[in-house]
Amino acid sequence: KNTNKEPYKGLFGDFLIDEYGNLFIEYAEFKITEEGCKVISSKII
């Protein structure tokens, strides 16, 4: 919320769940360019 500076930060895709019931999701830092979303870095968190 209220982050208008690049790189933007967001969560992408579906939630993931392991066999123990722990939830994970893909976190990424990205920029918006004329070509679309350009991901700078991402990880499952």
ModelCIF file with pLDDT and N, C-alpha, C, O atoms, coordinates in Angstrom:
data_MODEL
#
_entry.id   MODEL 
#
_entity.id                         1 
_entity.type                       polymer 
_entity.pdbx_number_of_molecules   1 
#
_entity_poly.entity_id                      1 
_entity_poly.type                           'polypeptide(L)' 
_entity_poly.nstd_linkage                   no 
_entity_poly.nstd_monomer                   no 
_entity_poly.pdbx_seq_one_letter_code       KNTNKEPYKGLFGDFLIDEYGNLFIEYAEFKITEEGCKVISSKII 
_entity_poly.pdbx_seq_one_letter_code_can   KNTNKEPYKGLFGDFLIDEYGNLFIEYAEFKITEEGCKVISSKII 
_entity_poly.pdbx_strand_id                 A 
#
loop_
_entity_poly_seq.entity_id 
_entity_poly_seq.num 
_entity_poly_seq.mon_id 
_entity_poly_seq.hetero 
1 1  LYS n 
1 2  ASN n 
1 3  THR n 
1 4  ASN n 
1 5  LYS n 
1 6  GLU n 
1 7  PRO n 
1 8  TYR n 
1 9  LYS n 
1 10 GLY n 
1 11 LEU n 
1 12 PHE n 
1 13 GLY n 
1 14 ASP n 
1 15 PHE n 
1 16 LEU n 
1 17 ILE n 
1 18 ASP n 
1 19 GLU n 
1 20 TYR n 
1 21 GLY n 
1 22 ASN n 
1 23 LEU n 
1 24 PHE n 
1 25 ILE n 
1 26 GLU n 
1 27 TYR n 
1 28 ALA n 
1 29 GLU n 
1 30 PHE n 
1 31 LYS n 
1 32 ILE n 
1 33 THR n 
1 34 GLU n 
1 35 GLU n 
1 36 GLY n 
1 37 CYS n 
1 38 LYS n 
1 39 VAL n 
1 40 ILE n 
1 41 SER n 
1 42 SER n 
1 43 LYS n 
1 44 ILE n 
1 45 ILE n 
#
_struct_asym.id          A 
_struct_asym.entity_id   1 
#
loop_
_ma_qa_metric.id 
_ma_qa_metric.mode 
_ma_qa_metric.name 
_ma_qa_metric.software_group_id 
_ma_qa_metric.type 
1 global pLDDT . pLDDT 
2 local  pLDDT . pLDDT 
#
_ma_qa_metric_global.metric_id      1 
_ma_qa_metric_global.metric_value   87.84 
_ma_qa_metric_global.model_id       1 
_ma_qa_metric_global.ordinal_id     1 
#
loop_
_ma_qa_metric_local.label_asym_id 
_ma_qa_metric_local.label_comp_id 
_ma_qa_metric_local.label_seq_id 
_ma_qa_metric_local.metric_id 
_ma_qa_metric_local.metric_value 
_ma_qa_metric_local.model_id 
_ma_qa_metric_local.ordinal_id 
A LYS 1  2 78.00 1 1  
A ASN 2  2 69.00 1 2  
A THR 3  2 67.00 1 3  
A ASN 4  2 72.00 1 4  
A LYS 5  2 78.00 1 5  
A GLU 6  2 82.00 1 6  
A PRO 7  2 87.00 1 7  
A TYR 8  2 89.00 1 8  
A LYS 9  2 92.00 1 9  
A GLY 10 2 93.00 1 10 
A LEU 11 2 94.00 1 11 
A PHE 12 2 93.00 1 12 
A GLY 13 2 91.00 1 13 
A ASP 14 2 89.00 1 14 
A PHE 15 2 89.00 1 15 
A LEU 16 2 89.00 1 16 
A ILE 17 2 88.00 1 17 
A ASP 18 2 87.00 1 18 
A GLU 19 2 85.00 1 19 
A TYR 20 2 86.00 1 20 
A GLY 21 2 86.00 1 21 
A ASN 22 2 90.00 1 22 
A LEU 23 2 91.00 1 23 
A PHE 24 2 93.00 1 24 
A ILE 25 2 94.00 1 25 
A GLU 26 2 94.00 1 26 
A TYR 27 2 95.00 1 27 
A ALA 28 2 93.00 1 28 
A GLU 29 2 92.00 1 29 
A PHE 30 2 90.00 1 30 
A LYS 31 2 89.00 1 31 
A ILE 32 2 85.00 1 32 
A THR 33 2 86.00 1 33 
A GLU 34 2 87.00 1 34 
A GLU 35 2 84.00 1 35 
A GLY 36 2 84.00 1 36 
A CYS 37 2 85.00 1 37 
A LYS 38 2 89.00 1 38 
A VAL 39 2 91.00 1 39 
A ILE 40 2 92.00 1 40 
A SER 41 2 92.00 1 41 
A SER 42 2 92.00 1 42 
A LYS 43 2 94.00 1 43 
A ILE 44 2 94.00 1 44 
A ILE 45 2 93.00 1 45 
#
loop_
_atom_site.group_PDB 
_atom_site.id 
_atom_site.type_symbol 
_atom_site.label_atom_id 
_atom_site.label_alt_id 
_atom_site.label_comp_id 
_atom_site.label_asym_id 
_atom_site.label_entity_id 
_atom_site.label_seq_id 
_atom_site.pdbx_PDB_ins_code 
_atom_site.Cartn_x 
_atom_site.Cartn_y 
_atom_site.Cartn_z 
_atom_site.occupancy 
_atom_site.B_iso_or_equiv 
_atom_site.pdbx_formal_charge 
_atom_site.auth_seq_id 
_atom_site.auth_comp_id 
_atom_site.auth_asym_id 
_atom_site.auth_atom_id 
_atom_site.pdbx_PDB_model_num 
ATOM 1   N N  . LYS A 1 1  ? 0.835  -1.197  0.000   1.00 78.00 ? 1  LYS A N  1 
ATOM 2   C CA . LYS A 1 1  ? 0.000  0.000   0.000   1.00 78.00 ? 1  LYS A CA 1 
ATOM 3   C C  . LYS A 1 1  ? 0.877  1.257   0.000   1.00 78.00 ? 1  LYS A C  1 
ATOM 4   O O  . LYS A 1 1  ? 1.902  1.313   0.678   1.00 78.00 ? 1  LYS A O  1 
ATOM 5   N N  . ASN A 1 2  ? 0.452  2.262   -0.774  1.00 69.00 ? 2  ASN A N  1 
ATOM 6   C CA . ASN A 1 2  ? 1.115  3.569   -0.809  1.00 69.00 ? 2  ASN A CA 1 
ATOM 7   C C  . ASN A 1 2  ? 2.592  3.507   -1.180  1.00 69.00 ? 2  ASN A C  1 
ATOM 8   O O  . ASN A 1 2  ? 3.404  4.236   -0.610  1.00 69.00 ? 2  ASN A O  1 
ATOM 9   N N  . THR A 1 3  ? 2.942  2.658   -2.115  1.00 67.00 ? 3  THR A N  1 
ATOM 10  C CA . THR A 1 3  ? 4.321  2.634   -2.614  1.00 67.00 ? 3  THR A CA 1 
ATOM 11  C C  . THR A 1 3  ? 4.291  2.990   -4.091  1.00 67.00 ? 3  THR A C  1 
ATOM 12  O O  . THR A 1 3  ? 3.981  2.150   -4.936  1.00 67.00 ? 3  THR A O  1 
ATOM 13  N N  . ASN A 1 4  ? 4.613  4.226   -4.392  1.00 72.00 ? 4  ASN A N  1 
ATOM 14  C CA . ASN A 1 4  ? 4.589  4.694   -5.777  1.00 72.00 ? 4  ASN A CA 1 
ATOM 15  C C  . ASN A 1 4  ? 5.985  4.849   -6.354  1.00 72.00 ? 4  ASN A C  1 
ATOM 16  O O  . ASN A 1 4  ? 6.148  5.477   -7.400  1.00 72.00 ? 4  ASN A O  1 
ATOM 17  N N  . LYS A 1 5  ? 6.994  4.295   -5.701  1.00 78.00 ? 5  LYS A N  1 
ATOM 18  C CA . LYS A 1 5  ? 8.363  4.392   -6.184  1.00 78.00 ? 5  LYS A CA 1 
ATOM 19  C C  . LYS A 1 5  ? 8.777  3.075   -6.825  1.00 78.00 ? 5  LYS A C  1 
ATOM 20  O O  . LYS A 1 5  ? 8.403  1.996   -6.367  1.00 78.00 ? 5  LYS A O  1 
ATOM 21  N N  . GLU A 1 6  ? 9.561  3.189   -7.898  1.00 82.00 ? 6  GLU A N  1 
ATOM 22  C CA . GLU A 1 6  ? 10.135 1.987   -8.501  1.00 82.00 ? 6  GLU A CA 1 
ATOM 23  C C  . GLU A 1 6  ? 11.385 1.611   -7.740  1.00 82.00 ? 6  GLU A C  1 
ATOM 24  O O  . GLU A 1 6  ? 12.056 2.517   -7.243  1.00 82.00 ? 6  GLU A O  1 
ATOM 25  N N  . PRO A 1 7  ? 11.749 0.366   -7.610  1.00 87.00 ? 7  PRO A N  1 
ATOM 26  C CA . PRO A 1 7  ? 10.977 -0.748  -8.124  1.00 87.00 ? 7  PRO A CA 1 
ATOM 27  C C  . PRO A 1 7  ? 9.747  -1.016  -7.251  1.00 87.00 ? 7  PRO A C  1 
ATOM 28  O O  . PRO A 1 7  ? 9.789  -0.908  -6.026  1.00 87.00 ? 7  PRO A O  1 
ATOM 29  N N  . TYR A 1 8  ? 8.654  -1.366  -7.928  1.00 89.00 ? 8  TYR A N  1 
ATOM 30  C CA . TYR A 1 8  ? 7.440  -1.742  -7.223  1.00 89.00 ? 8  TYR A CA 1 
ATOM 31  C C  . TYR A 1 8  ? 7.636  -3.130  -6.620  1.00 89.00 ? 8  TYR A C  1 
ATOM 32  O O  . TYR A 1 8  ? 8.492  -3.897  -7.060  1.00 89.00 ? 8  TYR A O  1 
ATOM 33  N N  . LYS A 1 9  ? 6.837  -3.437  -5.617  1.00 92.00 ? 9  LYS A N  1 
ATOM 34  C CA . LYS A 1 9  ? 6.916  -4.738  -4.956  1.00 92.00 ? 9  LYS A CA 1 
ATOM 35  C C  . LYS A 1 9  ? 5.538  -5.372  -4.947  1.00 92.00 ? 9  LYS A C  1 
ATOM 36  O O  . LYS A 1 9  ? 4.549  -4.721  -4.608  1.00 92.00 ? 9  LYS A O  1 
ATOM 37  N N  . GLY A 1 10 ? 5.474  -6.650  -5.321  1.00 93.00 ? 10 GLY A N  1 
ATOM 38  C CA . GLY A 1 10 ? 4.181  -7.311  -5.367  1.00 93.00 ? 10 GLY A CA 1 
ATOM 39  C C  . GLY A 1 10 ? 4.290  -8.815  -5.258  1.00 93.00 ? 10 GLY A C  1 
ATOM 40  O O  . GLY A 1 10 ? 5.377  -9.391  -5.288  1.00 93.00 ? 10 GLY A O  1 
ATOM 41  N N  . LEU A 1 11 ? 3.124  -9.434  -5.129  1.00 94.00 ? 11 LEU A N  1 
ATOM 42  C CA . LEU A 1 11 ? 3.023  -10.890 -5.051  1.00 94.00 ? 11 LEU A CA 1 
ATOM 43  C C  . LEU A 1 11 ? 2.336  -11.387 -6.316  1.00 94.00 ? 11 LEU A C  1 
ATOM 44  O O  . LEU A 1 11 ? 1.254  -10.917 -6.671  1.00 94.00 ? 11 LEU A O  1 
ATOM 45  N N  . PHE A 1 12 ? 2.962  -12.329 -6.987  1.00 93.00 ? 12 PHE A N  1 
ATOM 46  C CA . PHE A 1 12 ? 2.505  -12.808 -8.287  1.00 93.00 ? 12 PHE A CA 1 
ATOM 47  C C  . PHE A 1 12 ? 2.039  -14.255 -8.223  1.00 93.00 ? 12 PHE A C  1 
ATOM 48  O O  . PHE A 1 12 ? 2.566  -15.057 -7.453  1.00 93.00 ? 12 PHE A O  1 
ATOM 49  N N  . GLY A 1 13 ? 1.046  -14.575 -9.038  1.00 91.00 ? 13 GLY A N  1 
ATOM 50  C CA . GLY A 1 13 ? 0.622  -15.954 -9.227  1.00 91.00 ? 13 GLY A CA 1 
ATOM 51  C C  . GLY A 1 13 ? -0.202 -16.500 -8.073  1.00 91.00 ? 13 GLY A C  1 
ATOM 52  O O  . GLY A 1 13 ? -0.703 -15.764 -7.224  1.00 91.00 ? 13 GLY A O  1 
ATOM 53  N N  . ASP A 1 14 ? -0.320 -17.826 -8.079  1.00 89.00 ? 14 ASP A N  1 
ATOM 54  C CA . ASP A 1 14 ? -1.122 -18.540 -7.089  1.00 89.00 ? 14 ASP A CA 1 
ATOM 55  C C  . ASP A 1 14 ? -0.317 -18.806 -5.822  1.00 89.00 ? 14 ASP A C  1 
ATOM 56  O O  . ASP A 1 14 ? 0.914  -18.811 -5.831  1.00 89.00 ? 14 ASP A O  1 
ATOM 57  N N  . PHE A 1 15 ? -1.050 -19.028 -4.735  1.00 89.00 ? 15 PHE A N  1 
ATOM 58  C CA . PHE A 1 15 ? -0.408 -19.480 -3.509  1.00 89.00 ? 15 PHE A CA 1 
ATOM 59  C C  . PHE A 1 15 ? 0.075  -20.903 -3.725  1.00 89.00 ? 15 PHE A C  1 
ATOM 60  O O  . PHE A 1 15 ? -0.515 -21.667 -4.488  1.00 89.00 ? 15 PHE A O  1 
ATOM 61  N N  . LEU A 1 16 ? 1.156  -21.244 -3.043  1.00 89.00 ? 16 LEU A N  1 
ATOM 62  C CA . LEU A 1 16 ? 1.689  -22.600 -3.061  1.00 89.00 ? 16 LEU A CA 1 
ATOM 63  C C  . LEU A 1 16 ? 1.596  -23.144 -1.646  1.00 89.00 ? 16 LEU A C  1 
ATOM 64  O O  . LEU A 1 16 ? 1.701  -22.400 -0.672  1.00 89.00 ? 16 LEU A O  1 
ATOM 65  N N  . ILE A 1 17 ? 1.399  -24.444 -1.547  1.00 88.00 ? 17 ILE A N  1 
ATOM 66  C CA . ILE A 1 17 ? 1.321  -25.073 -0.228  1.00 88.00 ? 17 ILE A CA 1 
ATOM 67  C C  . ILE A 1 17 ? 2.197  -26.319 -0.234  1.00 88.00 ? 17 ILE A C  1 
ATOM 68  O O  . ILE A 1 17 ? 2.159  -27.112 -1.175  1.00 88.00 ? 17 ILE A O  1 
ATOM 69  N N  . ASP A 1 18 ? 2.988  -26.483 0.825   1.00 87.00 ? 18 ASP A N  1 
ATOM 70  C CA . ASP A 1 18 ? 3.811  -27.693 0.895   1.00 87.00 ? 18 ASP A CA 1 
ATOM 71  C C  . ASP A 1 18 ? 3.069  -28.780 1.671   1.00 87.00 ? 18 ASP A C  1 
ATOM 72  O O  . ASP A 1 18 ? 1.938  -28.578 2.111   1.00 87.00 ? 18 ASP A O  1 
ATOM 73  N N  . GLU A 1 19 ? 3.709  -29.919 1.830   1.00 85.00 ? 19 GLU A N  1 
ATOM 74  C CA . GLU A 1 19 ? 3.021  -31.052 2.447   1.00 85.00 ? 19 GLU A CA 1 
ATOM 75  C C  . GLU A 1 19 ? 2.753  -30.860 3.930   1.00 85.00 ? 19 GLU A C  1 
ATOM 76  O O  . GLU A 1 19 ? 2.060  -31.676 4.537   1.00 85.00 ? 19 GLU A O  1 
ATOM 77  N N  . TYR A 1 20 ? 3.288  -29.796 4.532   1.00 86.00 ? 20 TYR A N  1 
ATOM 78  C CA . TYR A 1 20 ? 3.063  -29.527 5.946   1.00 86.00 ? 20 TYR A CA 1 
ATOM 79  C C  . TYR A 1 20 ? 2.012  -28.442 6.162   1.00 86.00 ? 20 TYR A C  1 
ATOM 80  O O  . TYR A 1 20 ? 1.723  -28.077 7.302   1.00 86.00 ? 20 TYR A O  1 
ATOM 81  N N  . GLY A 1 21 ? 1.445  -27.928 5.084   1.00 86.00 ? 21 GLY A N  1 
ATOM 82  C CA . GLY A 1 21 ? 0.431  -26.892 5.188   1.00 86.00 ? 21 GLY A CA 1 
ATOM 83  C C  . GLY A 1 21 ? 0.976  -25.478 5.209   1.00 86.00 ? 21 GLY A C  1 
ATOM 84  O O  . GLY A 1 21 ? 0.215  -24.536 5.434   1.00 86.00 ? 21 GLY A O  1 
ATOM 85  N N  . ASN A 1 22 ? 2.276  -25.297 4.982   1.00 90.00 ? 22 ASN A N  1 
ATOM 86  C CA . ASN A 1 22 ? 2.859  -23.962 4.924   1.00 90.00 ? 22 ASN A CA 1 
ATOM 87  C C  . ASN A 1 22 ? 2.519  -23.321 3.582   1.00 90.00 ? 22 ASN A C  1 
ATOM 88  O O  . ASN A 1 22 ? 2.641  -23.959 2.536   1.00 90.00 ? 22 ASN A O  1 
ATOM 89  N N  . LEU A 1 23 ? 2.095  -22.063 3.616   1.00 91.00 ? 23 LEU A N  1 
ATOM 90  C CA . LEU A 1 23 ? 1.772  -21.333 2.389   1.00 91.00 ? 23 LEU A CA 1 
ATOM 91  C C  . LEU A 1 23 ? 2.968  -20.522 1.929   1.00 91.00 ? 23 LEU A C  1 
ATOM 92  O O  . LEU A 1 23 ? 3.720  -19.982 2.741   1.00 91.00 ? 23 LEU A O  1 
ATOM 93  N N  . PHE A 1 24 ? 3.133  -20.443 0.615   1.00 93.00 ? 24 PHE A N  1 
ATOM 94  C CA . PHE A 1 24 ? 4.191  -19.658 -0.013  1.00 93.00 ? 24 PHE A CA 1 
ATOM 95  C C  . PHE A 1 24 ? 3.583  -18.890 -1.177  1.00 93.00 ? 24 PHE A C  1 
ATOM 96  O O  . PHE A 1 24 ? 2.522  -19.254 -1.684  1.00 93.00 ? 24 PHE A O  1 
ATOM 97  N N  . ILE A 1 25 ? 4.265  -17.819 -1.600  1.00 94.00 ? 25 ILE A N  1 
ATOM 98  C CA . ILE A 1 25 ? 3.843  -17.066 -2.778  1.00 94.00 ? 25 ILE A CA 1 
ATOM 99  C C  . ILE A 1 25 ? 5.083  -16.427 -3.394  1.00 94.00 ? 25 ILE A C  1 
ATOM 100 O O  . ILE A 1 25 ? 6.094  -16.248 -2.714  1.00 94.00 ? 25 ILE A O  1 
ATOM 101 N N  . GLU A 1 26 ? 5.009  -16.085 -4.676  1.00 94.00 ? 26 GLU A N  1 
ATOM 102 C CA . GLU A 1 26 ? 6.144  -15.469 -5.335  1.00 94.00 ? 26 GLU A CA 1 
ATOM 103 C C  . GLU A 1 26 ? 6.136  -13.961 -5.112  1.00 94.00 ? 26 GLU A C  1 
ATOM 104 O O  . GLU A 1 26 ? 5.194  -13.267 -5.497  1.00 94.00 ? 26 GLU A O  1 
ATOM 105 N N  . TYR A 1 27 ? 7.201  -13.466 -4.483  1.00 95.00 ? 27 TYR A N  1 
ATOM 106 C CA . TYR A 1 27 ? 7.411  -12.036 -4.252  1.00 95.00 ? 27 TYR A CA 1 
ATOM 107 C C  . TYR A 1 27 ? 8.355  -11.532 -5.332  1.00 95.00 ? 27 TYR A C  1 
ATOM 108 O O  . TYR A 1 27 ? 9.351  -12.187 -5.642  1.00 95.00 ? 27 TYR A O  1 
ATOM 109 N N  . ALA A 1 28 ? 8.048  -10.364 -5.913  1.00 93.00 ? 28 ALA A N  1 
ATOM 110 C CA . ALA A 1 28 ? 8.922  -9.815  -6.948  1.00 93.00 ? 28 ALA A CA 1 
ATOM 111 C C  . ALA A 1 28 ? 9.016  -8.298  -6.833  1.00 93.00 ? 28 ALA A C  1 
ATOM 112 O O  . ALA A 1 28 ? 8.065  -7.625  -6.434  1.00 93.00 ? 28 ALA A O  1 
ATOM 113 N N  . GLU A 1 29 ? 10.190 -7.779  -7.194  1.00 92.00 ? 29 GLU A N  1 
ATOM 114 C CA . GLU A 1 29 ? 10.387 -6.355  -7.394  1.00 92.00 ? 29 GLU A CA 1 
ATOM 115 C C  . GLU A 1 29 ? 10.403 -6.156  -8.897  1.00 92.00 ? 29 GLU A C  1 
ATOM 116 O O  . GLU A 1 29 ? 11.042 -6.917  -9.624  1.00 92.00 ? 29 GLU A O  1 
ATOM 117 N N  . PHE A 1 30 ? 9.692  -5.122  -9.369  1.00 90.00 ? 30 PHE A N  1 
ATOM 118 C CA . PHE A 1 30 ? 9.540  -4.963  -10.812 1.00 90.00 ? 30 PHE A CA 1 
ATOM 119 C C  . PHE A 1 30 ? 9.388  -3.500  -11.196 1.00 90.00 ? 30 PHE A C  1 
ATOM 120 O O  . PHE A 1 30 ? 9.114  -2.640  -10.359 1.00 90.00 ? 30 PHE A O  1 
ATOM 121 N N  . LYS A 1 31 ? 9.574  -3.239  -12.495 1.00 89.00 ? 31 LYS A N  1 
ATOM 122 C CA . LYS A 1 31 ? 9.342  -1.931  -13.088 1.00 89.00 ? 31 LYS A CA 1 
ATOM 123 C C  . LYS A 1 31 ? 8.306  -2.091  -14.182 1.00 89.00 ? 31 LYS A C  1 
ATOM 124 O O  . LYS A 1 31 ? 8.154  -3.169  -14.758 1.00 89.00 ? 31 LYS A O  1 
ATOM 125 N N  . ILE A 1 32 ? 7.596  -1.012  -14.464 1.00 85.00 ? 32 ILE A N  1 
ATOM 126 C CA . ILE A 1 32 ? 6.667  -1.003  -15.584 1.00 85.00 ? 32 ILE A CA 1 
ATOM 127 C C  . ILE A 1 32 ? 7.339  -0.239  -16.721 1.00 85.00 ? 32 ILE A C  1 
ATOM 128 O O  . ILE A 1 32 ? 7.698  0.928   -16.563 1.00 85.00 ? 32 ILE A O  1 
ATOM 129 N N  . THR A 1 33 ? 7.507  -0.895  -17.862 1.00 86.00 ? 33 THR A N  1 
ATOM 130 C CA . THR A 1 33 ? 8.129  -0.275  -19.033 1.00 86.00 ? 33 THR A CA 1 
ATOM 131 C C  . THR A 1 33 ? 7.120  -0.252  -20.174 1.00 86.00 ? 33 THR A C  1 
ATOM 132 O O  . THR A 1 33 ? 6.002  -0.744  -20.029 1.00 86.00 ? 33 THR A O  1 
ATOM 133 N N  . GLU A 1 34 ? 7.507  0.307   -21.284 1.00 87.00 ? 34 GLU A N  1 
ATOM 134 C CA . GLU A 1 34 ? 6.628  0.322   -22.458 1.00 87.00 ? 34 GLU A CA 1 
ATOM 135 C C  . GLU A 1 34 ? 6.301  -1.089  -22.926 1.00 87.00 ? 34 GLU A C  1 
ATOM 136 O O  . GLU A 1 34 ? 5.233  -1.331  -23.487 1.00 87.00 ? 34 GLU A O  1 
ATOM 137 N N  . GLU A 1 35 ? 7.221  -2.018  -22.695 1.00 84.00 ? 35 GLU A N  1 
ATOM 138 C CA . GLU A 1 35 ? 7.006  -3.413  -23.096 1.00 84.00 ? 35 GLU A CA 1 
ATOM 139 C C  . GLU A 1 35 ? 6.184  -4.184  -22.073 1.00 84.00 ? 35 GLU A C  1 
ATOM 140 O O  . GLU A 1 35 ? 5.757  -5.306  -22.346 1.00 84.00 ? 35 GLU A O  1 
ATOM 141 N N  . GLY A 1 36 ? 5.957  -3.609  -20.911 1.00 84.00 ? 36 GLY A N  1 
ATOM 142 C CA . GLY A 1 36 ? 5.188  -4.296  -19.868 1.00 84.00 ? 36 GLY A CA 1 
ATOM 143 C C  . GLY A 1 36 ? 5.965  -4.403  -18.576 1.00 84.00 ? 36 GLY A C  1 
ATOM 144 O O  . GLY A 1 36 ? 6.794  -3.549  -18.260 1.00 84.00 ? 36 GLY A O  1 
ATOM 145 N N  . CYS A 1 37 ? 5.694  -5.453  -17.836 1.00 85.00 ? 37 CYS A N  1 
ATOM 146 C CA . CYS A 1 37 ? 6.301  -5.670  -16.521 1.00 85.00 ? 37 CYS A CA 1 
ATOM 147 C C  . CYS A 1 37 ? 7.705  -6.246  -16.694 1.00 85.00 ? 37 CYS A C  1 
ATOM 148 O O  . CYS A 1 37 ? 7.885  -7.279  -17.340 1.00 85.00 ? 37 CYS A O  1 
ATOM 149 N N  . LYS A 1 38 ? 8.694  -5.573  -16.113 1.00 89.00 ? 38 LYS A N  1 
ATOM 150 C CA . LYS A 1 38 ? 10.063 -6.084  -16.143 1.00 89.00 ? 38 LYS A CA 1 
ATOM 151 C C  . LYS A 1 38 ? 10.473 -6.434  -14.712 1.00 89.00 ? 38 LYS A C  1 
ATOM 152 O O  . LYS A 1 38 ? 10.645 -5.545  -13.878 1.00 89.00 ? 38 LYS A O  1 
ATOM 153 N N  . VAL A 1 39 ? 10.626 -7.715  -14.433 1.00 91.00 ? 39 VAL A N  1 
ATOM 154 C CA . VAL A 1 39 ? 10.969 -8.190  -13.090 1.00 91.00 ? 39 VAL A CA 1 
ATOM 155 C C  . VAL A 1 39 ? 12.462 -8.018  -12.857 1.00 91.00 ? 39 VAL A C  1 
ATOM 156 O O  . VAL A 1 39 ? 13.287 -8.457  -13.657 1.00 91.00 ? 39 VAL A O  1 
ATOM 157 N N  . ILE A 1 40 ? 12.792 -7.372  -11.747 1.00 92.00 ? 40 ILE A N  1 
ATOM 158 C CA . ILE A 1 40 ? 14.181 -7.155  -11.358 1.00 92.00 ? 40 ILE A CA 1 
ATOM 159 C C  . ILE A 1 40 ? 14.677 -8.347  -10.549 1.00 92.00 ? 40 ILE A C  1 
ATOM 160 O O  . ILE A 1 40 ? 15.774 -8.855  -10.780 1.00 92.00 ? 40 ILE A O  1 
ATOM 161 N N  . SER A 1 41 ? 13.854 -8.787  -9.599  1.00 92.00 ? 41 SER A N  1 
ATOM 162 C CA . SER A 1 41 ? 14.199 -9.969  -8.800  1.00 92.00 ? 41 SER A CA 1 
ATOM 163 C C  . SER A 1 41 ? 12.915 -10.608 -8.295  1.00 92.00 ? 41 SER A C  1 
ATOM 164 O O  . SER A 1 41 ? 11.896 -9.937  -8.130  1.00 92.00 ? 41 SER A O  1 
ATOM 165 N N  . SER A 1 42 ? 12.976 -11.898 -8.055  1.00 92.00 ? 42 SER A N  1 
ATOM 166 C CA . SER A 1 42 ? 11.811 -12.602 -7.512  1.00 92.00 ? 42 SER A CA 1 
ATOM 167 C C  . SER A 1 42 ? 12.277 -13.790 -6.680  1.00 92.00 ? 42 SER A C  1 
ATOM 168 O O  . SER A 1 42 ? 13.363 -14.334 -6.884  1.00 92.00 ? 42 SER A O  1 
ATOM 169 N N  . LYS A 1 43 ? 11.425 -14.174 -5.739  1.00 94.00 ? 43 LYS A N  1 
ATOM 170 C CA . LYS A 1 43 ? 11.713 -15.357 -4.923  1.00 94.00 ? 43 LYS A CA 1 
ATOM 171 C C  . LYS A 1 43 ? 10.412 -15.863 -4.329  1.00 94.00 ? 43 LYS A C  1 
ATOM 172 O O  . LYS A 1 43 ? 9.438  -15.123 -4.186  1.00 94.00 ? 43 LYS A O  1 
ATOM 173 N N  . ILE A 1 44 ? 10.421 -17.130 -3.992  1.00 94.00 ? 44 ILE A N  1 
ATOM 174 C CA . ILE A 1 44 ? 9.294  -17.730 -3.297  1.00 94.00 ? 44 ILE A CA 1 
ATOM 175 C C  . ILE A 1 44 ? 9.493  -17.455 -1.813  1.00 94.00 ? 44 ILE A C  1 
ATOM 176 O O  . ILE A 1 44 ? 10.553 -17.744 -1.257  1.00 94.00 ? 44 ILE A O  1 
ATOM 177 N N  . ILE A 1 45 ? 8.461  -16.892 -1.172  1.00 93.00 ? 45 ILE A N  1 
ATOM 178 C CA . ILE A 1 45 ? 8.582  -16.504 0.228   1.00 93.00 ? 45 ILE A CA 1 
ATOM 179 C C  . ILE A 1 45 ? 7.389  -17.054 1.009   1.00 93.00 ? 45 ILE A C  1 
ATOM 180 O O  . ILE A 1 45 ? 7.292  -16.842 2.218   1.00 93.00 ? 45 ILE A O  1 
#
